[in-house]
Amino acid sequence: MSRGRNEDKETPAAKVQSAIETLLTHPDPLSRRDAAIALGEIHDDSAIVALAHALHDPAKDVRAAAGAALASIGHTAIGALNEALADGDWVVRYRAAEALGAIRDERSVSALIKALGDRRDHVRYIAARGLGNLGERRAIGPLSAALADENEFVRRAVKGALASLG
């Protein structure tokens, strides 16, 4: 019972640091995932670097939660997500593009347009979806060019994005 009282007295900064430590070091992927979710709910900019690092986590659920948390933090995470779009690992680029599309900030448009040319179809697909979410008309030209993509699912995402843009 005293443990609950101590947790209640924990400062918000201490909660963030505890969640960051769990996210980066805990051996259990469910604990790391839960830490990423908690950081997304807290919306603290001090977690951005750790969450961006967690996009490299070996567990898919942790990567997904880290991306969602970065999207939840919002526009202050755009710089870190833009950097992640240049990562050598396609799963990191995928989650970064997904988060940028979810943030719905016009500063993400150029990065997502560039991601339409990614060598991995998964990244191109999620970039097209993100551009559709953003509603930026300047994406119409690049999306139109992506209608010729070799991958059927990318083409479908492009068509959906173009439809949402009118």
Protein backbone atom coordinates (compact mmCIF):
# COMPACT_ATOMS: atom_id res chain seq x y z
CA MET A 1 0.00 0.00 0.00
CA SER A 2 2.86 2.42 0.67
CA ARG A 3 4.06 1.80 -2.87
CA GLY A 4 0.91 3.41 -4.26
CA ARG A 5 1.46 6.50 -2.10
CA ASN A 6 5.04 6.81 -3.35
CA GLU A 7 3.91 6.54 -6.97
CA ASP A 8 1.36 9.30 -6.36
CA LYS A 9 4.15 11.57 -5.07
CA GLU A 10 6.36 10.99 -8.11
CA THR A 11 6.88 14.24 -10.02
CA PRO A 12 5.81 14.47 -13.66
CA ALA A 13 9.47 14.78 -14.71
CA ALA A 14 10.33 11.66 -12.71
CA LYS A 15 7.46 9.78 -14.38
CA VAL A 16 8.78 10.77 -17.79
CA GLN A 17 12.33 9.70 -16.93
CA SER A 18 11.10 6.40 -15.51
CA ALA A 19 9.09 5.70 -18.67
CA ILE A 20 12.06 6.63 -20.86
CA GLU A 21 14.32 4.28 -18.90
CA THR A 22 11.77 1.47 -19.25
CA LEU A 23 11.38 2.16 -22.97
CA LEU A 24 15.11 2.03 -23.62
CA THR A 25 16.28 -0.69 -21.27
CA HIS A 26 13.53 -3.05 -20.13
CA PRO A 27 13.97 -6.62 -21.43
CA ASP A 28 10.20 -7.18 -21.82
CA PRO A 29 8.76 -5.78 -25.07
CA LEU A 30 5.31 -5.34 -23.50
CA SER A 31 6.82 -3.13 -20.82
CA ARG A 32 8.68 -1.12 -23.47
CA ARG A 33 5.47 -0.80 -25.49
CA ASP A 34 3.52 0.35 -22.44
CA ALA A 35 6.23 2.90 -21.66
CA ALA A 36 5.96 4.30 -25.20
CA ILE A 37 2.19 4.52 -24.85
CA ALA A 38 2.55 6.32 -21.52
CA LEU A 39 5.01 8.79 -23.03
CA GLY A 40 2.56 9.51 -25.82
CA GLU A 41 -0.14 10.23 -23.26
CA ILE A 42 2.14 12.56 -21.31
CA HIS A 43 3.06 14.62 -24.43
CA ASP A 44 6.44 15.65 -23.04
CA ASP A 45 8.96 16.90 -25.59
CA SER A 46 11.82 15.51 -23.49
CA ALA A 47 10.74 12.01 -24.63
CA ILE A 48 11.19 12.70 -28.36
CA VAL A 49 14.78 11.46 -28.62
CA ALA A 50 14.03 8.25 -26.72
CA LEU A 51 10.88 7.61 -28.74
CA ALA A 52 12.77 8.19 -32.00
CA HIS A 53 15.37 5.71 -30.79
CA ALA A 54 12.57 3.22 -30.02
CA LEU A 55 11.61 3.26 -33.69
CA HIS A 56 14.58 0.85 -33.99
CA ASP A 57 13.21 -1.55 -31.35
CA PRO A 58 13.21 -5.19 -32.47
CA ALA A 59 9.56 -5.56 -31.39
CA LYS A 60 6.98 -4.36 -33.90
CA ASP A 61 4.52 -3.33 -31.17
CA VAL A 62 7.14 -1.14 -29.52
CA ARG A 63 7.97 0.56 -32.83
CA ALA A 64 4.27 1.14 -33.50
CA ALA A 65 3.70 2.59 -30.03
CA ALA A 66 6.77 4.82 -30.33
CA GLY A 67 5.56 6.16 -33.68
CA ALA A 68 2.08 6.78 -32.29
CA ALA A 69 3.59 8.53 -29.27
CA LEU A 70 5.68 10.79 -31.50
CA ALA A 71 2.56 11.61 -33.51
CA SER A 72 0.75 12.34 -30.26
CA ILE A 73 3.49 14.73 -29.16
CA GLY A 74 2.91 16.54 -32.42
CA HIS A 75 4.72 19.26 -34.28
CA THR A 76 7.76 19.34 -31.98
CA ALA A 77 8.54 15.76 -33.06
CA ILE A 78 8.63 16.59 -36.78
CA GLY A 79 12.39 17.20 -36.86
CA ALA A 80 13.17 13.83 -35.31
CA LEU A 81 10.70 12.11 -37.61
CA ASN A 82 12.16 13.79 -40.68
CA GLU A 83 15.58 12.48 -39.62
CA ALA A 84 14.10 9.01 -39.16
CA LEU A 85 12.86 9.11 -42.76
CA ALA A 86 16.51 8.99 -43.83
CA ASP A 87 17.30 5.93 -41.70
CA GLY A 88 18.79 2.88 -43.40
CA ASP A 89 16.14 0.59 -41.91
CA TRP A 90 12.88 0.63 -43.82
CA VAL A 91 10.77 -0.18 -40.74
CA VAL A 92 12.04 3.00 -39.10
CA ARG A 93 11.23 5.01 -42.24
CA TYR A 94 7.78 3.39 -42.34
CA ARG A 95 6.93 4.35 -38.76
CA ALA A 96 8.33 7.85 -39.25
CA ALA A 97 6.20 8.41 -42.35
CA GLU A 98 3.17 7.03 -40.55
CA ALA A 99 3.68 9.41 -37.62
CA LEU A 100 4.27 12.41 -39.90
CA GLY A 101 1.00 11.71 -41.68
CA ALA A 102 -0.82 11.44 -38.38
CA ILE A 103 0.55 14.76 -37.11
CA ARG A 104 -1.12 16.55 -40.02
CA ASP A 105 1.30 19.45 -40.13
CA GLU A 106 2.13 21.11 -43.45
CA ARG A 107 5.84 20.94 -42.54
CA SER A 108 5.60 17.18 -43.11
CA VAL A 109 4.54 17.47 -46.74
CA SER A 110 8.01 17.78 -48.32
CA ALA A 111 9.37 14.84 -46.34
CA LEU A 112 6.38 12.65 -47.23
CA ILE A 113 6.62 13.64 -50.89
CA LYS A 114 10.26 12.55 -50.82
CA ALA A 115 9.20 9.29 -49.15
CA LEU A 116 6.96 8.56 -52.16
CA GLY A 117 10.23 7.69 -53.91
CA ASP A 118 11.52 5.37 -51.19
CA ARG A 119 13.00 2.07 -52.37
CA ARG A 120 10.58 0.12 -50.12
CA ASP A 121 6.97 -0.14 -51.18
CA HIS A 122 5.80 -0.16 -47.54
CA VAL A 123 7.26 3.32 -47.03
CA ARG A 124 5.80 4.62 -50.31
CA TYR A 125 2.40 3.24 -49.31
CA ILE A 126 2.32 4.90 -45.89
CA ALA A 127 3.71 8.15 -47.31
CA ALA A 128 0.83 8.28 -49.81
CA ARG A 129 -1.67 7.67 -47.03
CA GLY A 130 -0.07 10.39 -44.93
CA LEU A 131 -0.22 12.87 -47.78
CA GLY A 132 -3.91 12.10 -48.14
CA ASN A 133 -4.39 12.85 -44.44
CA LEU A 134 -2.58 16.16 -44.72
CA GLY A 135 -4.88 17.58 -47.36
CA GLU A 136 -2.11 19.65 -48.95
CA ARG A 137 -2.85 20.35 -52.60
CA ARG A 138 0.85 20.69 -53.44
CA ALA A 139 1.06 16.91 -53.05
CA ILE A 140 -1.25 16.34 -56.04
CA GLY A 141 1.55 16.41 -58.64
CA PRO A 142 3.86 13.98 -56.85
CA LEU A 143 0.94 11.72 -55.98
CA SER A 144 -0.21 11.75 -59.60
CA ALA A 145 3.26 10.67 -60.67
CA ALA A 146 3.11 7.86 -58.10
CA LEU A 147 0.05 6.41 -59.86
CA ALA A 148 2.61 4.58 -62.00
CA ASP A 149 4.16 2.85 -58.97
CA GLU A 150 5.04 -0.81 -59.55
CA ASN A 151 3.19 -1.89 -56.40
CA GLU A 152 -0.58 -2.30 -56.51
CA PHE A 153 -1.05 -1.36 -52.85
CA VAL A 154 0.96 1.83 -53.29
CA ARG A 155 -1.16 2.73 -56.31
CA ARG A 156 -4.32 2.12 -54.25
CA ALA A 157 -3.03 4.36 -51.45
CA VAL A 158 -2.13 7.03 -53.99
CA LYS A 159 -5.62 6.88 -55.51
CA GLY A 160 -7.15 7.20 -52.04
CA ALA A 161 -4.92 10.16 -51.24
CA LEU A 162 -5.78 11.88 -54.50
CA ALA A 163 -9.49 11.27 -53.88
CA SER A 164 -9.21 12.87 -50.44
CA LEU A 165 -7.47 15.88 -51.99
CA GLY A 166 -10.27 16.33 -54.52
